[in-house]
Protein backbone atom coordinates (compact mmCIF):
# COMPACT_ATOMS: atom_id res chain seq x y z
CA UNK A 1 -9.67 -0.25 -1.29
CA UNK A 2 -9.22 -0.22 2.46
CA UNK A 3 -5.53 -0.23 3.28
CA UNK A 4 -4.94 -2.95 5.75
CA UNK A 5 -6.31 -6.41 5.48
CA UNK A 6 -9.29 -7.38 7.55
CA UNK A 7 -7.28 -10.13 9.17
CA UNK A 8 -5.25 -7.83 11.36
CA UNK A 9 -7.88 -5.12 11.77
CA UNK A 10 -4.89 -2.83 11.55
CA UNK A 11 -4.78 0.92 11.82
CA UNK A 12 -5.08 2.42 8.35
CA UNK A 13 -1.91 3.86 7.50
CA UNK A 14 -0.68 4.28 9.65
CA UNK A 15 -2.95 1.19 5.49
CA UNK A 16 3.76 3.46 0.34
CA UNK A 17 9.19 7.07 -2.78
CA UNK A 18 11.09 5.00 -4.64
CA UNK A 19 14.65 3.80 -4.54
CA UNK A 20 16.36 3.06 -7.81
CA UNK A 21 16.35 -0.65 -7.10
CA UNK A 22 17.31 -3.00 -9.91
CA UNK A 23 15.11 -6.05 -10.40
CA UNK A 24 16.90 -9.03 -11.83
CA UNK A 25 13.80 -10.29 -13.63
CA UNK A 26 11.09 -8.51 -15.58
CA UNK A 27 8.48 -11.13 -14.86
CA UNK A 28 6.64 -12.10 -11.73
CA UNK A 29 6.77 -15.47 -10.11
CA UNK A 30 3.36 -17.03 -9.68
CA UNK A 31 2.27 -19.90 -7.52
CA UNK A 32 -1.10 -21.51 -8.07
CA UNK A 33 -2.55 -22.58 -4.74
CA UNK A 34 -5.76 -24.20 -5.78
CA UNK A 35 -5.34 -27.12 -3.40
CA UNK A 36 -3.83 -27.91 -0.04
CA UNK A 37 -0.58 -29.19 -1.55
CA UNK A 38 0.78 -25.65 -1.83
CA UNK A 39 4.05 -25.35 0.05
CA UNK A 40 3.95 -21.65 0.82
CA UNK A 41 2.67 -22.40 4.28
CA UNK A 42 5.59 -24.74 4.90
CA UNK A 43 8.17 -22.17 5.90
CA UNK A 44 11.09 -24.57 5.80
CA UNK A 45 14.62 -23.39 5.17
CA UNK A 46 17.92 -25.06 4.62
CA UNK A 47 19.48 -22.76 7.20
CA UNK A 48 20.15 -23.91 10.73
CA UNK A 49 18.58 -20.78 12.23
CA UNK A 50 15.19 -19.23 11.59
CA UNK A 51 16.78 -15.81 11.33
CA UNK A 52 19.22 -16.77 8.57
CA UNK A 53 18.37 -16.07 4.96
CA UNK A 54 16.93 -18.89 2.92
CA UNK A 55 19.19 -18.90 -0.12
CA UNK A 56 16.74 -21.12 -2.04
CA UNK A 57 13.77 -18.78 -1.83
CA UNK A 58 11.06 -19.42 -4.40
CA UNK A 59 7.52 -18.14 -4.52
CA UNK A 60 5.32 -20.61 -2.73
CA UNK A 61 8.19 -22.28 -0.91
CA UNK A 62 8.58 -20.09 2.13
CA UNK A 63 10.00 -16.68 2.88
CA UNK A 64 13.52 -15.33 3.06
CA UNK A 65 13.34 -15.18 6.84
CA UNK A 66 11.20 -17.15 9.25
CA UNK A 67 11.94 -14.66 12.00
CA UNK A 68 13.60 -11.31 12.17
CA UNK A 69 17.39 -11.47 11.72
CA UNK A 70 19.80 -9.76 14.09
CA UNK A 71 20.26 -6.03 13.41
CA UNK A 72 23.38 -4.98 11.55
CA UNK A 73 23.53 -1.70 13.46
CA UNK A 74 21.98 -0.17 16.58
CA UNK A 75 21.92 3.40 17.85
CA UNK A 76 20.03 5.22 20.61
CA UNK A 77 16.67 5.06 18.81
CA UNK A 78 16.72 2.38 16.10
CA UNK A 79 17.75 -1.09 15.13
CA UNK A 80 18.87 -1.24 11.49
CA UNK A 81 18.60 -4.19 9.14
CA UNK A 82 20.15 -4.97 5.79
CA UNK A 83 18.10 -7.78 4.32
CA UNK A 84 19.34 -10.33 1.86
CA UNK A 85 16.46 -9.59 -0.52
CA UNK A 86 17.24 -5.89 -0.97
CA UNK A 87 19.10 -6.29 -4.26
CA UNK A 88 16.13 -7.98 -5.92
CA UNK A 89 12.91 -8.08 -3.87
CA UNK A 90 10.52 -10.54 -5.50
CA UNK A 91 6.81 -10.17 -6.19
CA UNK A 92 4.86 -13.40 -5.77
CA UNK A 93 1.28 -13.77 -6.99
CA UNK A 94 -0.57 -16.44 -5.01
CA UNK A 95 -3.67 -17.55 -6.90
CA UNK A 96 -6.35 -19.77 -5.37
CA UNK A 97 -8.67 -21.81 -7.63
CA UNK A 98 -7.76 -20.10 -10.88
CA UNK A 99 -10.57 -21.95 -12.65
CA UNK A 100 -13.04 -19.60 -10.94
CA UNK A 101 -11.27 -16.47 -12.18
CA UNK A 102 -11.83 -16.86 -15.94
CA UNK A 103 -8.43 -15.48 -16.90
CA UNK A 104 -8.55 -12.47 -14.59
CA UNK A 105 -5.57 -13.86 -12.71
CA UNK A 106 -3.52 -13.41 -15.88
CA UNK A 107 -4.76 -9.83 -16.21
CA UNK A 108 -3.75 -9.19 -12.61
CA UNK A 109 -0.33 -10.74 -13.15
CA UNK A 110 0.33 -8.57 -16.21
CA UNK A 111 -0.64 -5.44 -14.29
CA UNK A 112 1.54 -6.43 -11.31
CA UNK A 113 4.41 -7.04 -13.70
CA UNK A 114 3.98 -3.52 -15.05
CA UNK A 115 3.75 -1.99 -11.57
CA UNK A 116 6.87 -3.81 -10.44
CA UNK A 117 8.85 -2.62 -13.45
CA UNK A 118 7.65 0.98 -13.54
CA UNK A 119 7.33 1.93 -9.87
CA UNK A 120 9.98 -0.31 -8.43
CA UNK A 121 9.44 -1.32 -4.84
CA UNK A 122 12.07 -1.88 -2.17
CA UNK A 123 10.45 -4.84 -0.36
CA UNK A 124 9.14 -8.25 -1.43
CA UNK A 125 5.40 -8.50 -1.98
CA UNK A 126 3.08 -11.48 -1.66
CA UNK A 127 -0.15 -10.92 -3.58
CA UNK A 128 -3.10 -13.05 -2.43
CA UNK A 129 -5.89 -13.40 -5.01
CA UNK A 130 -9.05 -15.45 -4.47
CA UNK A 131 -12.78 -15.40 -5.22
CA UNK A 132 -13.93 -14.86 -1.65
CA UNK A 133 -17.54 -15.82 -2.44
CA UNK A 134 -17.14 -18.99 -4.49
CA UNK A 135 -13.83 -20.53 -3.48
CA UNK A 136 -13.91 -23.85 -1.67
CA UNK A 137 -13.41 -24.09 2.07
CA UNK A 138 -10.14 -25.87 1.37
CA UNK A 139 -8.87 -22.98 -0.74
CA UNK A 140 -9.99 -20.41 1.82
CA UNK A 141 -8.14 -22.28 4.53
CA UNK A 142 -5.02 -22.44 2.39
CA UNK A 143 -5.30 -18.71 1.68
CA UNK A 144 -5.54 -17.86 5.35
CA UNK A 145 -2.75 -20.25 6.27
CA UNK A 146 -0.43 -18.64 3.74
CA UNK A 147 -1.37 -15.14 4.82
CA UNK A 148 -1.08 -15.82 8.54
CA UNK A 149 2.31 -17.43 8.02
CA UNK A 150 3.45 -14.21 6.35
CA UNK A 151 2.22 -11.69 8.90
CA UNK A 152 2.62 -13.70 12.12
CA UNK A 153 4.78 -16.08 14.05
CA UNK A 154 4.21 -19.86 13.97
CA UNK A 155 2.71 -19.79 17.47
CA UNK A 156 0.04 -17.35 16.23
CA UNK A 157 -1.06 -19.35 13.21
CA UNK A 158 -4.06 -21.16 14.64
CA UNK A 159 -5.46 -18.06 16.34
CA UNK A 160 -4.97 -15.98 13.19
CA UNK A 161 -6.87 -18.48 11.06
CA UNK A 162 -9.63 -19.11 13.58
CA UNK A 163 -10.17 -15.41 14.18
CA UNK A 164 -11.09 -14.75 10.57
CA UNK A 165 -13.30 -17.68 9.59
CA UNK A 166 -16.48 -15.62 9.65
CA UNK A 167 -15.20 -12.72 7.53
CA UNK A 168 -15.34 -14.41 4.13
CA UNK A 169 -17.60 -12.52 1.73
CA UNK A 170 -17.02 -9.26 3.58
CA UNK A 171 -13.29 -8.80 3.24
CA UNK A 172 -11.71 -5.59 2.00
CA UNK A 173 -8.72 -5.19 -0.26
CA UNK A 174 -5.52 -4.30 1.59
CA UNK A 175 -1.78 -3.88 1.27
CA UNK A 176 1.25 -2.87 3.26
CA UNK A 177 3.79 -4.04 5.80
CA UNK A 178 4.34 -3.62 9.53
CA UNK A 179 7.64 -3.62 11.36
CA UNK A 180 6.98 -6.97 12.99
CA UNK A 181 7.09 -8.80 9.65
CA UNK A 182 9.09 -6.38 7.52
CA UNK A 183 11.77 -9.06 7.06
CA UNK A 184 9.23 -11.20 5.19
CA UNK A 185 7.92 -8.40 2.98
CA UNK A 186 4.52 -6.87 2.36
CA UNK A 187 1.13 -8.45 1.77
CA UNK A 188 -1.36 -7.36 -0.87
CA UNK A 189 -4.88 -8.73 -0.61
CA UNK A 190 -7.14 -8.55 -3.66
CA UNK A 191 -10.44 -10.36 -4.25
CA UNK A 192 -12.17 -11.27 -7.47
CA UNK A 193 -15.14 -9.00 -6.70
CA UNK A 194 -12.86 -6.09 -7.66
CA UNK A 195 -13.03 -7.25 -11.27
CA UNK A 196 -16.68 -8.12 -11.72
CA UNK A 197 -18.21 -4.73 -10.99
CA UNK A 198 -20.08 -2.64 -13.52
CA UNK A 199 -17.00 -0.69 -14.59
CA UNK A 200 -15.41 -3.80 -16.07
CA UNK A 201 -12.36 -5.96 -15.48
CA UNK A 202 -9.76 -3.33 -16.41
CA UNK A 203 -11.29 -0.82 -14.04
CA UNK A 204 -10.92 -3.33 -11.23
CA UNK A 205 -7.16 -3.01 -11.53
CA UNK A 206 -7.38 0.40 -9.87
CA UNK A 207 -7.79 -1.44 -6.55
CA UNK A 208 -4.61 -3.38 -7.28
CA UNK A 209 -2.73 -0.15 -8.05
CA UNK A 210 -4.07 1.48 -4.87
CA UNK A 211 -2.91 -1.38 -2.66
CA UNK A 212 0.42 -1.66 -4.46
CA UNK A 213 1.12 1.96 -3.61
CA UNK A 214 0.37 1.19 0.04
CA UNK A 215 3.16 -1.40 -0.01
CA UNK A 216 5.36 1.28 -1.55
CA UNK A 217 4.42 3.87 1.09
CA UNK A 218 4.84 1.62 4.10
CA UNK A 219 8.10 0.05 2.97
CA UNK A 220 9.69 3.47 2.62
CA UNK A 221 8.51 4.55 6.05
CA UNK A 222 11.16 2.18 7.45
CA UNK A 223 13.90 2.84 4.88
CA UNK A 224 16.92 5.07 5.50
CA UNK A 225 18.23 6.26 2.16
CA UNK A 226 21.81 7.09 3.11
CA UNK A 227 22.34 3.93 5.13
CA UNK A 228 20.48 1.82 2.57
CA UNK A 229 19.06 -0.03 5.55
CA UNK A 230 15.65 -0.51 7.09
CA UNK A 231 15.23 0.83 10.60
CA UNK A 232 12.73 -0.09 13.30
CA UNK A 233 12.34 2.30 16.22
CA UNK A 234 13.14 0.54 19.50
CA UNK A 235 10.52 2.44 21.48
CA UNK A 236 7.84 1.59 18.92
CA UNK A 237 8.64 -2.08 19.37
CA UNK A 238 8.40 -1.80 23.13
CA UNK A 239 5.07 0.06 22.95
CA UNK A 240 3.48 -2.12 20.26
CA UNK A 241 3.49 0.62 17.61
CA UNK A 242 3.45 -1.30 14.35
CA UNK A 243 3.98 1.55 11.90
CA UNK A 244 5.16 5.17 12.09
CA UNK A 245 2.25 7.60 12.03
CA UNK A 246 1.12 8.88 8.65
CA UNK A 247 -2.13 10.87 8.31
CA UNK A 248 -4.98 8.92 6.79
CA UNK A 249 -5.59 11.61 4.20
CA UNK A 250 -2.01 11.24 2.94
CA UNK A 251 -2.03 7.45 3.05
CA UNK A 252 -5.40 6.84 1.41
CA UNK A 253 -5.53 10.02 -0.66
CA UNK A 254 -2.02 9.30 -1.84
CA UNK A 255 -2.90 5.76 -2.86
CA UNK A 256 -5.95 7.02 -4.77
CA UNK A 257 -3.80 9.68 -6.45
CA UNK A 258 -1.10 7.19 -7.38
CA UNK A 259 -3.66 4.68 -8.63
CA UNK A 260 -4.92 7.17 -11.23
CA UNK A 261 -1.51 7.73 -12.78
CA UNK A 262 -0.53 4.06 -12.51
CA UNK A 263 -3.72 3.17 -14.39
CA UNK A 264 -3.27 5.98 -16.92
CA UNK A 265 0.11 4.69 -18.02
CA UNK A 266 -1.10 1.17 -18.73
CA UNK A 267 -2.95 0.28 -21.90
CA UNK A 268 -6.28 -0.32 -20.19
CA UNK A 269 -9.96 0.26 -20.85
CA UNK A 270 -10.19 2.88 -18.14
CA UNK A 271 -11.09 6.58 -18.10
CA UNK A 272 -8.73 8.04 -15.52
CA UNK A 273 -10.08 11.59 -15.88
CA UNK A 274 -13.62 10.43 -15.13
CA UNK A 275 -12.31 8.50 -12.13
CA UNK A 276 -10.59 11.63 -10.83
CA UNK A 277 -13.87 13.51 -11.06
CA UNK A 278 -15.58 10.68 -9.16
CA UNK A 279 -13.07 11.10 -6.34
CA UNK A 280 -13.87 14.82 -6.30
CA UNK A 281 -17.59 14.06 -6.16
CA UNK A 282 -17.01 11.76 -3.18
CA UNK A 283 -15.19 14.56 -1.36
CA UNK A 284 -17.92 17.05 -2.13
CA UNK A 285 -20.60 14.66 -0.93
CA UNK A 286 -18.75 14.11 2.34
CA UNK A 287 -18.61 17.89 2.80
CA UNK A 288 -22.29 18.41 2.09
CA UNK A 289 -23.95 20.15 5.02
CA UNK A 290 -20.68 20.58 6.90
CA UNK A 291 -19.96 23.58 9.10
CA UNK A 292 -17.09 26.09 8.56
CA UNK A 293 -14.79 24.16 10.88
CA UNK A 294 -14.72 21.18 8.51
CA UNK A 295 -11.08 20.70 7.52
CA UNK A 296 -8.74 18.19 5.97
CA UNK A 297 -6.81 18.46 9.23
CA UNK A 298 -9.64 16.58 10.93
CA UNK A 299 -8.73 13.50 8.89
CA UNK A 300 -5.19 12.95 10.07
CA UNK A 301 -6.21 10.18 12.45
CA UNK A 302 -9.97 9.92 11.85
CA UNK A 303 -11.53 8.09 8.92
CA UNK A 304 -15.11 9.13 9.58
CA UNK A 305 -17.72 8.20 7.00
CA UNK A 306 -19.93 11.21 6.23
CA UNK A 307 -22.94 11.13 3.92
CA UNK A 308 -21.81 7.61 3.01
CA UNK A 309 -18.41 8.84 1.79
CA UNK A 310 -14.92 8.90 3.29
CA UNK A 311 -13.40 12.38 3.07
CA UNK A 312 -9.96 10.99 3.94
CA UNK A 313 -10.08 9.26 0.55
CA UNK A 314 -11.75 11.78 -1.78
CA UNK A 315 -10.54 14.84 0.11
CA UNK A 316 -7.07 13.34 0.45
CA UNK A 317 -7.03 12.66 -3.29
CA UNK A 318 -8.00 16.25 -4.06
CA UNK A 319 -5.30 17.50 -1.66
CA UNK A 320 -2.74 15.71 -3.83
CA UNK A 321 -4.32 17.12 -7.00
CA UNK A 322 -4.23 20.58 -5.44
CA UNK A 323 -0.53 20.29 -4.58
CA UNK A 324 0.23 19.14 -8.14
CA UNK A 325 -1.77 22.11 -9.40
CA UNK A 326 0.41 24.49 -7.34
CA UNK A 327 3.66 23.27 -8.89
CA UNK A 328 4.38 20.78 -11.65
CA UNK A 329 7.41 19.53 -9.71
CA UNK A 330 5.11 18.48 -6.89
CA UNK A 331 4.04 15.40 -8.83
CA UNK A 332 7.35 13.62 -8.23
CA UNK A 333 7.38 14.93 -4.67
CA UNK A 334 3.95 13.38 -4.07
CA UNK A 335 4.93 10.05 -5.56
CA UNK A 336 8.52 9.75 -4.37
CA UNK A 337 10.28 12.53 -2.49
CA UNK A 338 7.98 12.82 0.53
CA UNK A 339 8.44 9.12 1.32
CA UNK A 340 12.19 9.24 0.63
CA UNK A 341 12.81 11.53 3.62
CA UNK A 342 10.12 10.08 5.88
CA UNK A 343 12.19 7.64 7.95
CA UNK A 344 14.88 10.22 8.71
CA UNK A 345 12.31 12.82 9.78
CA UNK A 346 10.47 10.29 11.94
CA UNK A 347 13.72 9.34 13.65
CA UNK A 348 14.35 12.96 14.62
CA UNK A 349 10.76 13.75 15.56
CA UNK A 350 8.52 10.70 16.11
CA UNK A 351 5.51 12.83 17.04
CA UNK A 352 5.48 15.13 14.03
CA UNK A 353 8.11 13.77 11.66
CA UNK A 354 5.58 13.49 8.87
CA UNK A 355 4.87 17.23 9.20
CA UNK A 356 8.56 18.00 8.91
CA UNK A 357 8.76 15.79 5.83
CA UNK A 358 5.74 17.55 4.31
CA UNK A 359 7.03 21.07 4.91
CA UNK A 360 10.54 20.28 3.68
CA UNK A 361 9.29 18.47 0.58
CA UNK A 362 6.71 21.00 -0.57
CA UNK A 363 8.15 24.21 0.88
CA UNK A 364 4.81 24.98 2.57
CA UNK A 365 3.80 25.26 6.17
CA UNK A 366 1.18 22.66 6.96
CA UNK A 367 -1.00 25.32 8.59
CA UNK A 368 -1.03 27.43 5.43
CA UNK A 369 -1.71 24.40 3.28
CA UNK A 370 -4.71 23.34 5.33
CA UNK A 371 -6.11 26.86 5.28
CA UNK A 372 -5.70 27.30 1.52
CA UNK A 373 -6.93 23.84 0.60
CA UNK A 374 -9.98 24.02 2.86
CA UNK A 375 -10.94 27.33 1.22
CA UNK A 376 -10.48 25.76 -2.21
CA UNK A 377 -12.75 22.85 -1.32
CA UNK A 378 -15.53 25.32 -0.54
CA UNK A 379 -15.42 26.76 -4.04
CA UNK A 380 -17.87 25.74 -6.76
CA UNK A 381 -17.41 22.43 -8.52
CA UNK A 382 -16.44 24.06 -11.82
CA UNK A 383 -13.41 25.68 -10.17
CA UNK A 384 -12.42 22.40 -8.58
CA UNK A 385 -12.75 20.35 -11.76
CA UNK A 386 -10.61 22.94 -13.54
CA UNK A 387 -7.44 21.90 -11.65
CA UNK A 388 -7.76 18.20 -12.46
CA UNK A 389 -5.14 17.39 -15.05
CA UNK A 390 -6.06 16.27 -18.54
CA UNK A 391 -5.78 12.70 -19.76
CA UNK A 392 -2.51 13.53 -21.51
CA UNK A 393 -1.03 15.11 -18.38
CA UNK A 394 -1.83 12.04 -16.27
CA UNK A 395 -0.24 9.81 -18.90
CA UNK A 396 2.87 11.97 -19.35
CA UNK A 397 3.47 12.65 -15.66
CA UNK A 398 6.82 11.34 -14.44
CA UNK A 399 8.32 10.39 -11.09
CA UNK A 400 11.79 9.75 -12.50
């Protein structure tokens, strides 16, 4: 639900459209890591250099790169990388103590398989799935070892593990990738408590879809379409900026928006229209008692909780619904096109590149959009519900 994993205490999204990438396999690789014999934490490679691709990559047996490879191209602002995994980025599902999950790991794997095939990603993904309340200490340690090996350098491993020992039982779902470990791919953290809530097991998959879209968003924020290379801004590296800026309301609202349609298209016991109305209710509750200056613009870099709700989520979701309502073509733009031009716009204008991408994609000035949307969100609920698409429209929506 929250974008970035609790381990890194990372800035939201800064919390992911789509390249027509061809996956060589329709099924996911899965590694069961129910005991300490799992080899995913043993990042060995047959190569003589850490930065050289591991040609024998398998889920659970290390990553393509132990450290960032040398750039294939450099200009005044960016280093560009063409990774060996780009032709077929894998999705690995790491399961810890599957006996505690009562088959929900299979449900998760089927859903991930569908997501991979239908909204194809451009980076590898490691999914980490564990019962954070009932797993053994051994399994928790293995989980953290695997995760810390993915997102950090070997010298950081012990500190990464030690710094998170007390967070078990209070960890949030998360997904995405930062420039510092882009060469290894994204992480997606999901916990079994997502599936044992009152809404039922299928409904829990909405959290998986939400986090998957974060990996999609963040991967594309580094990807240059024409070059077909990933680019990392040199100045960002020097200043410790892990991810290009993206407003929270776009990142989280976009992931909520995408999660509805990704759920709608799967054969699941899930009422996507009712969920959309719940997101609206959350936005309205956050607005309750607000003054006239309350605006979506306030939630570009702030994720304030108001009346026990996060407007960046519910309000951001409704902003996406509103844009779809304005123009049917905006659906694909919300899912794909905005992210496709993001890296190029950020390169030209690091401060406001996302604004340039927004205005070019939707043909609207951001100022006018904020003004119109804020006015809409002060209308009565009946008017707001009226623009939420029907079940059939969610199912038939297309980003192709």
